[in-house]
Amino acid sequence: MNAPTVASFKSQFQRDFPFGTTTDKVMDSDITTAQTLADYLVNQSLFADEASFQFAYNYLAAHYLVMNIKSSSQGLGGSYSWLESSKSAGSVSQSFQIPADILKHPQLAMLSKTNYGVTYLSIVLPLTYGQIGIAQGTTLA
């Protein structure tokens, strides 16, 4: 299967990102970097057709794009913030539960840092459960 083009990424997320050619906008080179990172994690064999592969791939690339933009705004003082299960400020508090199977897996937990990553997970996780393969063979006994 073929990775989506920058143009197809822009088309899928035309309302989500301020695309442009200056550094205060999301540039084509930012998308290309995010797509390169997505190449390392996406499993093409999960998808039945090119359209579903490209749709999911773009969500994974969008996740990396957001993470890269957040990192670039922090500069040299940036550090990775691990998932939080609760926050509070004064009298306001918020808590949420991260599913244990996601929390225990470092890559899946990392994808939970953005809405795009969670959307990617919601697409691919059902494709991974219950997958089996049969290998023909015999024993020596």
C-alpha atoms as a PDB file:
ATOM      1  CA  MET A   1       0.000   0.000   0.000  1.00  0.00           C
ATOM      2  CA  ASN A   2       1.097   3.541  -0.599  1.00  0.00           C
ATOM      3  CA  ALA A   3       1.511   6.211   2.056  1.00  0.00           C
ATOM      4  CA  PRO A   4      -0.856   9.144   1.553  1.00  0.00           C
ATOM      5  CA  THR A   5       0.418  12.294  -0.103  1.00  0.00           C
ATOM      6  CA  VAL A   6       0.757  15.628   1.652  1.00  0.00           C
ATOM      7  CA  ALA A   7      -2.200  16.805  -0.448  1.00  0.00           C
ATOM      8  CA  SER A   8      -4.434  13.975   0.796  1.00  0.00           C
ATOM      9  CA  PHE A   9      -3.412  14.730   4.400  1.00  0.00           C
ATOM     10  CA  LYS A  10      -4.366  18.381   3.901  1.00  0.00           C
ATOM     11  CA  SER A  11      -7.663  17.359   2.335  1.00  0.00           C
ATOM     12  CA  GLN A  12      -8.571  15.037   5.227  1.00  0.00           C
ATOM     13  CA  PHE A  13      -7.684  17.639   7.874  1.00  0.00           C
ATOM     14  CA  GLN A  14      -8.514  20.896   6.110  1.00  0.00           C
ATOM     15  CA  ARG A  15     -10.427  22.207   9.174  1.00  0.00           C
ATOM     16  CA  ASP A  16      -7.937  20.975  11.762  1.00  0.00           C
ATOM     17  CA  PHE A  17      -4.641  22.675  10.948  1.00  0.00           C
ATOM     18  CA  PRO A  18      -3.594  26.138   9.714  1.00  0.00           C
ATOM     19  CA  PHE A  19      -1.657  25.083   6.606  1.00  0.00           C
ATOM     20  CA  GLY A  20       0.715  27.559   5.016  1.00  0.00           C
ATOM     21  CA  THR A  21       4.271  28.257   3.904  1.00  0.00           C
ATOM     22  CA  THR A  22       5.584  30.236   6.886  1.00  0.00           C
ATOM     23  CA  THR A  23       6.859  28.939  10.218  1.00  0.00           C
ATOM     24  CA  ASP A  24       3.743  30.130  12.057  1.00  0.00           C
ATOM     25  CA  LYS A  25       1.710  27.682   9.931  1.00  0.00           C
ATOM     26  CA  VAL A  26       1.847  23.922   9.350  1.00  0.00           C
ATOM     27  CA  MET A  27       4.181  23.520   6.400  1.00  0.00           C
ATOM     28  CA  ASP A  28       4.465  20.612   3.965  1.00  0.00           C
ATOM     29  CA  SER A  29       7.798  19.700   5.562  1.00  0.00           C
ATOM     30  CA  ASP A  30       6.050  19.331   8.946  1.00  0.00           C
ATOM     31  CA  ILE A  31       3.575  16.894   7.398  1.00  0.00           C
ATOM     32  CA  THR A  32       6.358  14.961   5.661  1.00  0.00           C
ATOM     33  CA  THR A  33       8.220  14.583   8.974  1.00  0.00           C
ATOM     34  CA  ALA A  34       5.046  13.329  10.673  1.00  0.00           C
ATOM     35  CA  GLN A  35       4.464  10.872   7.822  1.00  0.00           C
ATOM     36  CA  THR A  36       8.015   9.562   8.172  1.00  0.00           C
ATOM     37  CA  LEU A  37       7.366   8.878  11.861  1.00  0.00           C
ATOM     38  CA  ALA A  38       4.064   7.198  10.997  1.00  0.00           C
ATOM     39  CA  ASP A  39       5.918   4.884   8.604  1.00  0.00           C
ATOM     40  CA  TYR A  40       7.678   3.304  11.584  1.00  0.00           C
ATOM     41  CA  LEU A  41       4.490   2.405  13.467  1.00  0.00           C
ATOM     42  CA  VAL A  42       1.788   1.656  10.913  1.00  0.00           C
ATOM     43  CA  ASN A  43       1.095  -1.984  10.029  1.00  0.00           C
ATOM     44  CA  GLN A  44      -0.160  -2.083   6.455  1.00  0.00           C
ATOM     45  CA  SER A  45      -1.288  -5.697   6.694  1.00  0.00           C
ATOM     46  CA  LEU A  46      -4.126  -4.739   9.065  1.00  0.00           C
ATOM     47  CA  PHE A  47      -6.052  -2.968   6.325  1.00  0.00           C
ATOM     48  CA  ALA A  48      -8.234  -4.550   3.676  1.00  0.00           C
ATOM     49  CA  ASP A  49      -7.866  -1.778   1.120  1.00  0.00           C
ATOM     50  CA  GLU A  50      -5.882   1.307   0.188  1.00  0.00           C
ATOM     51  CA  ALA A  51      -8.594   3.768   1.216  1.00  0.00           C
ATOM     52  CA  SER A  52      -8.916   2.467   4.792  1.00  0.00           C
ATOM     53  CA  PHE A  53      -5.122   2.285   5.122  1.00  0.00           C
ATOM     54  CA  GLN A  54      -4.655   5.876   3.997  1.00  0.00           C
ATOM     55  CA  PHE A  55      -7.471   7.152   6.223  1.00  0.00           C
ATOM     56  CA  ALA A  56      -5.961   5.539   9.342  1.00  0.00           C
ATOM     57  CA  TYR A  57      -2.398   6.461   8.326  1.00  0.00           C
ATOM     58  CA  ASN A  58      -3.368  10.130   8.115  1.00  0.00           C
ATOM     59  CA  TYR A  59      -4.669   9.988  11.701  1.00  0.00           C
ATOM     60  CA  LEU A  60      -1.379   8.520  12.870  1.00  0.00           C
ATOM     61  CA  ALA A  61       0.550  11.200  10.969  1.00  0.00           C
ATOM     62  CA  ALA A  62      -1.725  13.878  12.486  1.00  0.00           C
ATOM     63  CA  HIS A  63      -0.858  12.541  15.937  1.00  0.00           C
ATOM     64  CA  TYR A  64       2.852  12.904  15.219  1.00  0.00           C
ATOM     65  CA  LEU A  65       2.298  16.330  13.692  1.00  0.00           C
ATOM     66  CA  VAL A  66       0.620  17.583  16.879  1.00  0.00           C
ATOM     67  CA  MET A  67       3.318  16.043  19.082  1.00  0.00           C
ATOM     68  CA  ASN A  68       6.069  17.613  16.947  1.00  0.00           C
ATOM     69  CA  ILE A  69       4.417  21.048  17.046  1.00  0.00           C
ATOM     70  CA  LYS A  70       4.068  20.814  20.834  1.00  0.00           C
ATOM     71  CA  SER A  71       7.717  19.782  21.128  1.00  0.00           C
ATOM     72  CA  SER A  72       8.950  22.566  18.872  1.00  0.00           C
ATOM     73  CA  SER A  73       7.159  25.196  20.947  1.00  0.00           C
ATOM     74  CA  GLN A  74       8.981  23.972  24.087  1.00  0.00           C
ATOM     75  CA  GLY A  75      12.457  24.242  22.591  1.00  0.00           C
ATOM     76  CA  LEU A  76      15.434  22.974  24.544  1.00  0.00           C
ATOM     77  CA  GLY A  77      13.534  23.078  27.846  1.00  0.00           C
ATOM     78  CA  GLY A  78      10.925  20.582  26.677  1.00  0.00           C
ATOM     79  CA  SER A  79      10.319  17.233  28.294  1.00  0.00           C
ATOM     80  CA  TYR A  80       7.888  14.413  27.602  1.00  0.00           C
ATOM     81  CA  SER A  81       4.857  14.503  29.857  1.00  0.00           C
ATOM     82  CA  TRP A  82       3.588  11.037  30.642  1.00  0.00           C
ATOM     83  CA  LEU A  83      -0.107  10.289  30.776  1.00  0.00           C
ATOM     84  CA  GLU A  84      -1.967  11.635  33.773  1.00  0.00           C
ATOM     85  CA  SER A  85      -4.974   9.991  35.356  1.00  0.00           C
ATOM     86  CA  SER A  86      -6.017  13.081  37.301  1.00  0.00           C
ATOM     87  CA  LYS A  87      -5.369  16.817  37.534  1.00  0.00           C
ATOM     88  CA  SER A  88      -6.476  19.496  39.940  1.00  0.00           C
ATOM     89  CA  ALA A  89      -6.145  23.242  40.234  1.00  0.00           C
ATOM     90  CA  GLY A  90      -7.753  24.848  43.237  1.00  0.00           C
ATOM     91  CA  SER A  91     -11.288  23.549  43.605  1.00  0.00           C
ATOM     92  CA  VAL A  92     -11.432  22.125  40.075  1.00  0.00           C
ATOM     93  CA  SER A  93     -10.343  18.552  39.432  1.00  0.00           C
ATOM     94  CA  GLN A  94     -10.488  16.175  36.499  1.00  0.00           C
ATOM     95  CA  SER A  95      -9.774  12.471  36.336  1.00  0.00           C
ATOM     96  CA  PHE A  96     -10.007   9.765  33.733  1.00  0.00           C
ATOM     97  CA  GLN A  97      -9.179   6.119  33.414  1.00  0.00           C
ATOM     98  CA  ILE A  98      -6.780   4.897  30.760  1.00  0.00           C
ATOM     99  CA  PRO A  99      -7.532   1.290  29.741  1.00  0.00           C
ATOM    100  CA  ALA A 100      -4.971  -1.047  31.338  1.00  0.00           C
ATOM    101  CA  ASP A 101      -3.940  -2.767  28.100  1.00  0.00           C
ATOM    102  CA  ILE A 102      -3.125   0.621  26.569  1.00  0.00           C
ATOM    103  CA  LEU A 103      -1.433   1.960  29.696  1.00  0.00           C
ATOM    104  CA  LYS A 104       0.869  -1.093  29.906  1.00  0.00           C
ATOM    105  CA  HIS A 105       2.077  -0.713  26.309  1.00  0.00           C
ATOM    106  CA  PRO A 106       4.459   2.260  25.852  1.00  0.00           C
ATOM    107  CA  GLN A 107       3.616   2.930  22.192  1.00  0.00           C
ATOM    108  CA  LEU A 108      -0.136   2.668  22.698  1.00  0.00           C
ATOM    109  CA  ALA A 109       0.071   4.905  25.757  1.00  0.00           C
ATOM    110  CA  MET A 110       2.020   7.462  23.711  1.00  0.00           C
ATOM    111  CA  LEU A 111      -0.739   7.475  21.093  1.00  0.00           C
ATOM    112  CA  SER A 112      -3.208   8.426  23.829  1.00  0.00           C
ATOM    113  CA  LYS A 113      -1.566  11.866  24.095  1.00  0.00           C
ATOM    114  CA  THR A 114      -3.649  13.328  21.234  1.00  0.00           C
ATOM    115  CA  ASN A 115      -7.168  12.946  19.893  1.00  0.00           C
ATOM    116  CA  TYR A 116      -5.665  11.894  16.561  1.00  0.00           C
ATOM    117  CA  GLY A 117      -3.683   9.103  18.200  1.00  0.00           C
ATOM    118  CA  VAL A 118      -6.758   7.860  20.050  1.00  0.00           C
ATOM    119  CA  THR A 119      -8.721   7.904  16.798  1.00  0.00           C
ATOM    120  CA  TYR A 120      -5.952   5.869  15.154  1.00  0.00           C
ATOM    121  CA  LEU A 121      -6.114   3.392  18.054  1.00  0.00           C
ATOM    122  CA  SER A 122      -9.893   3.152  17.736  1.00  0.00           C
ATOM    123  CA  ILE A 123      -9.433   2.193  14.091  1.00  0.00           C
ATOM    124  CA  VAL A 124      -6.595  -0.341  14.450  1.00  0.00           C
ATOM    125  CA  LEU A 125      -7.219  -2.025  17.816  1.00  0.00           C
ATOM    126  CA  PRO A 126     -10.330  -3.884  16.642  1.00  0.00           C
ATOM    127  CA  LEU A 127      -8.287  -5.105  13.676  1.00  0.00           C
ATOM    128  CA  THR A 128      -5.669  -6.624  15.975  1.00  0.00           C
ATOM    129  CA  TYR A 129      -7.866  -8.540  18.405  1.00  0.00           C
ATOM    130  CA  GLY A 130      -8.501 -12.149  17.533  1.00  0.00           C
ATOM    131  CA  GLN A 131      -6.121 -12.239  14.591  1.00  0.00           C
ATOM    132  CA  ILE A 132      -4.750 -15.751  14.203  1.00  0.00           C
ATOM    133  CA  GLY A 133      -2.642 -17.593  11.727  1.00  0.00           C
ATOM    134  CA  ILE A 134      -2.282 -21.296  11.053  1.00  0.00           C
ATOM    135  CA  ALA A 135       1.096 -22.880  10.499  1.00  0.00           C
ATOM    136  CA  GLN A 136       1.187 -26.374   9.133  1.00  0.00           C
ATOM    137  CA  GLY A 137       3.706 -28.765  10.638  1.00  0.00           C
ATOM    138  CA  THR A 138       4.380 -31.935  12.573  1.00  0.00           C
ATOM    139  CA  THR A 139       6.306 -32.968  15.650  1.00  0.00           C
ATOM    140  CA  LEU A 140       9.226 -35.366  15.732  1.00  0.00           C
ATOM    141  CA  ALA A 141       7.501 -37.723  18.194  1.00  0.00           C
END
